[in-house]
C-alpha atoms as a PDB file:
ATOM      1  CA  MET A   1      64.088  82.462 -11.197  1.00  0.00           C
ATOM      2  CA  ARG A   2      65.598  79.773  -8.859  1.00  0.00           C
ATOM      3  CA  ASN A   3      68.605  79.999 -10.444  1.00  0.00           C
ATOM      4  CA  LEU A   4      68.786  83.896  -9.867  1.00  0.00           C
ATOM      5  CA  VAL A   5      68.041  83.241  -5.952  1.00  0.00           C
ATOM      6  CA  TYR A   6      70.922  80.912  -5.998  1.00  0.00           C
ATOM      7  CA  ILE A   7      73.560  83.670  -7.881  1.00  0.00           C
ATOM      8  CA  PHE A   8      71.831  86.428  -5.561  1.00  0.00           C
ATOM      9  CA  ILE A   9      72.745  84.295  -2.205  1.00  0.00           C
ATOM     10  CA  ILE A  10      75.924  83.418  -3.654  1.00  0.00           C
ATOM     11  CA  TYR A  11      76.904  86.539  -4.523  1.00  0.00           C
ATOM     12  CA  PHE A  12      76.238  87.884  -1.122  1.00  0.00           C
ATOM     13  CA  MET A  13      78.089  85.231  -0.036  1.00  0.00           C
ATOM     14  CA  ILE A  14      81.330  85.590  -1.487  1.00  0.00           C
ATOM     15  CA  LEU A  15      81.583  89.142  -1.568  1.00  0.00           C
ATOM     16  CA  PRO A  16      83.329  90.507   1.610  1.00  0.00           C
ATOM     17  CA  ILE A  17      80.312  91.931   4.419  1.00  0.00           C
ATOM     18  CA  SER A  18      82.774  94.613   5.090  1.00  0.00           C
ATOM     19  CA  THR A  19      82.563  96.248   1.767  1.00  0.00           C
ATOM     20  CA  PHE A  20      78.872  97.212   2.736  1.00  0.00           C
ATOM     21  CA  ALA A  21      79.920  98.966   6.025  1.00  0.00           C
ATOM     22  CA  VAL A  22      82.915 101.143   5.308  1.00  0.00           C
ATOM     23  CA  PRO A  23      82.046 104.118   7.202  1.00  0.00           C
ATOM     24  CA  LYS A  24      82.122 107.533   4.809  1.00  0.00           C
ATOM     25  CA  SER A  25      84.223 108.954   6.644  1.00  0.00           C
ATOM     26  CA  ILE A  26      86.718 106.176   6.743  1.00  0.00           C
ATOM     27  CA  GLU A  27      86.758 106.407   2.841  1.00  0.00           C
ATOM     28  CA  LEU A  28      87.276 110.437   2.957  1.00  0.00           C
ATOM     29  CA  TYR A  29      90.802 109.550   4.524  1.00  0.00           C
ATOM     30  CA  ILE A  30      91.896 105.919   3.584  1.00  0.00           C
ATOM     31  CA  GLU A  31      92.453 104.937   0.118  1.00  0.00           C
ATOM     32  CA  LYS A  32      90.622 101.439  -0.743  1.00  0.00           C
ATOM     33  CA  PRO A  33      89.882 100.621   3.317  1.00  0.00           C
ATOM     34  CA  LYS A  34      89.315  97.064   4.568  1.00  0.00           C
ATOM     35  CA  ILE A  35      88.938  95.521   7.706  1.00  0.00           C
ATOM     36  CA  VAL A  36      92.058  94.743   9.214  1.00  0.00           C
ATOM     37  CA  GLY A  37      89.964  92.691  12.419  1.00  0.00           C
ATOM     38  CA  SER A  38      87.406  93.176  14.459  1.00  0.00           C
ATOM     39  CA  GLY A  39      86.711  92.028  17.865  1.00  0.00           C
ATOM     40  CA  ARG A  40      83.996  92.782  20.980  1.00  0.00           C
ATOM     41  CA  LEU A  41      84.629  94.211  24.280  1.00  0.00           C
ATOM     42  CA  SER A  42      82.940  92.932  27.025  1.00  0.00           C
ATOM     43  CA  PHE A  43      83.430  93.424  30.990  1.00  0.00           C
ATOM     44  CA  TRP A  44      81.371  90.700  33.196  1.00  0.00           C
ATOM     45  CA  MET A  45      78.329  90.422  31.176  1.00  0.00           C
ATOM     46  CA  TRP A  46      78.175  93.332  29.785  1.00  0.00           C
ATOM     47  CA  ASP A  47      78.714  93.434  25.970  1.00  0.00           C
ATOM     48  CA  VAL A  48      80.765  97.196  25.963  1.00  0.00           C
ATOM     49  CA  TYR A  49      81.358  97.827  22.338  1.00  0.00           C
ATOM     50  CA  ASP A  50      82.546  96.529  18.853  1.00  0.00           C
ATOM     51  CA  ALA A  51      85.251  97.200  17.234  1.00  0.00           C
ATOM     52  CA  SER A  52      86.773  97.583  13.891  1.00  0.00           C
ATOM     53  CA  LEU A  53      90.761  98.431  12.820  1.00  0.00           C
ATOM     54  CA  TYR A  54      90.542  99.771   8.705  1.00  0.00           C
ATOM     55  CA  ALA A  55      93.657 100.130   6.957  1.00  0.00           C
ATOM     56  CA  GLU A  56      93.968 100.684   3.302  1.00  0.00           C
ATOM     57  CA  ASP A  57      93.866  97.044   1.378  1.00  0.00           C
ATOM     58  CA  GLY A  58      93.345  95.657   4.299  1.00  0.00           C
ATOM     59  CA  MET A  59      97.007  95.758   5.785  1.00  0.00           C
ATOM     60  CA  TYR A  60      97.759  97.675   8.682  1.00  0.00           C
ATOM     61  CA  LYS A  61     100.827 100.084   9.048  1.00  0.00           C
ATOM     62  CA  ASN A  62     101.604 102.173  11.896  1.00  0.00           C
ATOM     63  CA  SER A  63     102.757 105.066   9.716  1.00  0.00           C
ATOM     64  CA  LYS A  64      99.929 104.935   7.253  1.00  0.00           C
ATOM     65  CA  PRO A  65      96.524 106.308   8.159  1.00  0.00           C
ATOM     66  CA  PHE A  66      93.772 103.422   9.436  1.00  0.00           C
ATOM     67  CA  ALA A  67      90.728 104.194  11.612  1.00  0.00           C
ATOM     68  CA  LEU A  68      89.249 103.065  14.429  1.00  0.00           C
ATOM     69  CA  TYR A  69      86.036 102.182  14.248  1.00  0.00           C
ATOM     70  CA  ILE A  70      83.578 101.820  17.352  1.00  0.00           C
ATOM     71  CA  LYS A  71      80.144 100.899  17.801  1.00  0.00           C
ATOM     72  CA  TYR A  72      79.164 101.285  21.309  1.00  0.00           C
ATOM     73  CA  LEU A  73      76.331  98.265  22.473  1.00  0.00           C
ATOM     74  CA  MET A  74      75.586 100.910  25.707  1.00  0.00           C
ATOM     75  CA  SER A  75      75.038 104.634  26.373  1.00  0.00           C
ATOM     76  CA  PHE A  76      78.033 106.736  27.683  1.00  0.00           C
ATOM     77  CA  ARG A  77      78.245 110.309  28.604  1.00  0.00           C
ATOM     78  CA  LYS A  78      81.520 112.220  27.266  1.00  0.00           C
ATOM     79  CA  GLU A  79      83.113 112.862  30.307  1.00  0.00           C
ATOM     80  CA  SER A  80      83.170 108.980  30.687  1.00  0.00           C
ATOM     81  CA  LEU A  81      84.372 108.174  27.643  1.00  0.00           C
ATOM     82  CA  ALA A  82      87.101 110.905  28.395  1.00  0.00           C
ATOM     83  CA  ASN A  83      88.181 109.636  31.772  1.00  0.00           C
ATOM     84  CA  ARG A  84      88.335 106.405  30.472  1.00  0.00           C
ATOM     85  CA  THR A  85      90.931 107.103  27.728  1.00  0.00           C
ATOM     86  CA  ILE A  86      93.126 109.015  29.988  1.00  0.00           C
ATOM     87  CA  GLN A  87      92.823 106.542  32.792  1.00  0.00           C
ATOM     88  CA  GLU A  88      94.311 103.793  29.868  1.00  0.00           C
ATOM     89  CA  ILE A  89      96.480 105.919  28.616  1.00  0.00           C
ATOM     90  CA  LYS A  90      97.713 106.472  32.436  1.00  0.00           C
ATOM     91  CA  ARG A  91      97.617 102.862  32.972  1.00  0.00           C
ATOM     92  CA  GLN A  92     100.309 102.137  30.037  1.00  0.00           C
ATOM     93  CA  GLY A  93     102.805 104.469  31.852  1.00  0.00           C
ATOM     94  CA  TYR A  94     102.071 107.966  31.377  1.00  0.00           C
ATOM     95  CA  LYS A  95     102.721 110.641  33.554  1.00  0.00           C
ATOM     96  CA  ASP A  96     102.610 113.810  32.557  1.00  0.00           C
ATOM     97  CA  ASN A  97      99.965 115.383  34.046  1.00  0.00           C
ATOM     98  CA  ASP A  98      99.782 118.194  32.780  1.00  0.00           C
ATOM     99  CA  LYS A  99      99.458 116.840  28.818  1.00  0.00           C
ATOM    100  CA  LEU A 100      96.576 114.378  30.660  1.00  0.00           C
ATOM    101  CA  LEU A 101      94.690 117.217  32.075  1.00  0.00           C
ATOM    102  CA  LEU A 102      94.931 119.025  28.236  1.00  0.00           C
ATOM    103  CA  TRP A 103      94.169 116.312  26.502  1.00  0.00           C
ATOM    104  CA  LYS A 104      91.007 115.037  28.860  1.00  0.00           C
ATOM    105  CA  ASN A 105      89.811 118.754  28.478  1.00  0.00           C
ATOM    106  CA  GLN A 106      90.014 118.351  24.512  1.00  0.00           C
ATOM    107  CA  LEU A 107      88.515 114.988  24.593  1.00  0.00           C
ATOM    108  CA  ILE A 108      85.101 116.415  26.866  1.00  0.00           C
ATOM    109  CA  LYS A 109      84.811 119.359  24.088  1.00  0.00           C
ATOM    110  CA  ILE A 110      84.858 116.656  21.186  1.00  0.00           C
ATOM    111  CA  PHE A 111      83.483 113.530  22.050  1.00  0.00           C
ATOM    112  CA  PRO A 112      79.372 113.169  22.122  1.00  0.00           C
ATOM    113  CA  ASP A 113      77.605 111.394  24.917  1.00  0.00           C
ATOM    114  CA  VAL A 114      76.825 108.539  22.860  1.00  0.00           C
ATOM    115  CA  GLU A 115      73.932 106.238  22.411  1.00  0.00           C
ATOM    116  CA  LYS A 116      73.286 102.135  22.275  1.00  0.00           C
ATOM    117  CA  GLY A 117      74.175 101.339  18.530  1.00  0.00           C
ATOM    118  CA  GLU A 118      75.996 104.504  17.776  1.00  0.00           C
ATOM    119  CA  ALA A 119      79.728 104.828  16.449  1.00  0.00           C
ATOM    120  CA  ILE A 120      82.463 106.969  16.642  1.00  0.00           C
ATOM    121  CA  THR A 121      85.589 106.580  14.219  1.00  0.00           C
ATOM    122  CA  ALA A 122      89.030 107.482  15.306  1.00  0.00           C
ATOM    123  CA  ILE A 123      91.421 108.341  12.281  1.00  0.00           C
ATOM    124  CA  TYR A 124      95.408 108.351  12.303  1.00  0.00           C
ATOM    125  CA  LEU A 125      96.064 110.888   9.735  1.00  0.00           C
ATOM    126  CA  ASP A 126      99.162 111.715   7.598  1.00  0.00           C
ATOM    127  CA  GLY A 127     101.575 113.790  10.128  1.00  0.00           C
ATOM    128  CA  GLY A 128     100.308 112.137  13.206  1.00  0.00           C
ATOM    129  CA  SER A 129      97.112 113.874  13.796  1.00  0.00           C
ATOM    130  CA  ILE A 130      93.627 112.129  14.865  1.00  0.00           C
ATOM    131  CA  GLY A 131      90.239 112.771  13.637  1.00  0.00           C
ATOM    132  CA  PHE A 132      87.016 111.797  15.478  1.00  0.00           C
ATOM    133  CA  PHE A 133      83.744 111.562  13.457  1.00  0.00           C
ATOM    134  CA  LEU A 134      80.160 110.310  15.005  1.00  0.00           C
ATOM    135  CA  GLU A 135      78.680 108.291  12.527  1.00  0.00           C
ATOM    136  CA  ASN A 136      80.390 110.282   8.949  1.00  0.00           C
ATOM    137  CA  LYS A 137      80.163 113.613  10.956  1.00  0.00           C
ATOM    138  CA  SER A 138      83.102 115.430  12.421  1.00  0.00           C
ATOM    139  CA  LEU A 139      83.526 115.842  16.158  1.00  0.00           C
ATOM    140  CA  GLY A 140      87.028 117.676  15.825  1.00  0.00           C
ATOM    141  CA  TYR A 141      90.605 116.998  15.450  1.00  0.00           C
ATOM    142  CA  ILE A 142      93.619 117.000  18.076  1.00  0.00           C
ATOM    143  CA  ASN A 143      97.242 117.754  16.340  1.00  0.00           C
ATOM    144  CA  SER A 144      99.206 115.734  18.499  1.00  0.00           C
ATOM    145  CA  PRO A 145     101.284 113.132  17.085  1.00  0.00           C
ATOM    146  CA  GLU A 146     102.106 111.973  20.773  1.00  0.00           C
ATOM    147  CA  PHE A 147      98.639 111.896  21.999  1.00  0.00           C
ATOM    148  CA  THR A 148      97.384 110.419  18.725  1.00  0.00           C
ATOM    149  CA  ARG A 149     100.280 107.439  19.345  1.00  0.00           C
ATOM    150  CA  LYS A 150      98.854 106.991  23.267  1.00  0.00           C
ATOM    151  CA  PHE A 151      95.371 107.107  21.663  1.00  0.00           C
ATOM    152  CA  PHE A 152      95.337 104.218  19.848  1.00  0.00           C
ATOM    153  CA  ASP A 153      97.756 102.132  22.105  1.00  0.00           C
ATOM    154  CA  ILE A 154      94.846 101.319  24.334  1.00  0.00           C
ATOM    155  CA  TRP A 155      93.304  99.013  21.720  1.00  0.00           C
ATOM    156  CA  ILE A 156      96.413  97.914  19.532  1.00  0.00           C
ATOM    157  CA  GLY A 157      99.708  98.813  22.030  1.00  0.00           C
ATOM    158  CA  GLU A 158     101.758  96.301  23.226  1.00  0.00           C
ATOM    159  CA  LYS A 159     101.164  97.901  26.504  1.00  0.00           C
ATOM    160  CA  THR A 160      96.984  97.520  26.211  1.00  0.00           C
ATOM    161  CA  SER A 161      94.654  96.573  28.688  1.00  0.00           C
ATOM    162  CA  GLU A 162      93.058  94.186  26.182  1.00  0.00           C
ATOM    163  CA  GLN A 163      95.181  91.716  25.077  1.00  0.00           C
ATOM    164  CA  GLU A 164      92.456  89.508  23.336  1.00  0.00           C
ATOM    165  CA  LEU A 165      90.838  92.389  21.421  1.00  0.00           C
ATOM    166  CA  ARG A 166      94.424  93.695  20.350  1.00  0.00           C
ATOM    167  CA  ILE A 167      95.218  90.176  18.468  1.00  0.00           C
ATOM    168  CA  LYS A 168      91.378  90.488  17.122  1.00  0.00           C
ATOM    169  CA  LEU A 169      91.963  93.985  15.795  1.00  0.00           C
ATOM    170  CA  LEU A 170      95.239  93.455  14.282  1.00  0.00           C
ATOM    171  CA  ASN A 171      94.626  90.045  12.802  1.00  0.00           C
ATOM    172  CA  LEU A 172      97.608  88.430  14.807  1.00  0.00           C
ATOM    173  CA  ASN A 173      95.525  84.837  14.368  1.00  0.00           C
END
């Protein structure tokens, strides 16, 4: 019996935890998804969310499908999520106010209010569109390669406001 316990412990120590955690929505769009990297966003003394970047075999390429999984550690209204998204896109230098307003309105229609412990996944799809999921439920899609790139640049673009998180997500250590 003791040997069986040791085998069980060793098996679960060797097997990556990410094997258990890949959301079904990601498995639908990415072949052999694995975590590229992950990190936590904290603001002052508050933990805001945990983020993980998934790609095929854990190898991120900006031209192939990948996913950003965000598990919220606080509750947020959908308007707050949409507003913050647009603020971050603007902060990176984007100035087309008509498109920003269009994107904000699309996000408000797609995003739900999120409760602490819920997760939203954003998936970069072939052709440059983006799909959003709450847990494994489809929330909607935006078919705009320009928006898709700007959205993901919030976390993994060179002009992100959160460079430490970017380094962790892209596993650049």
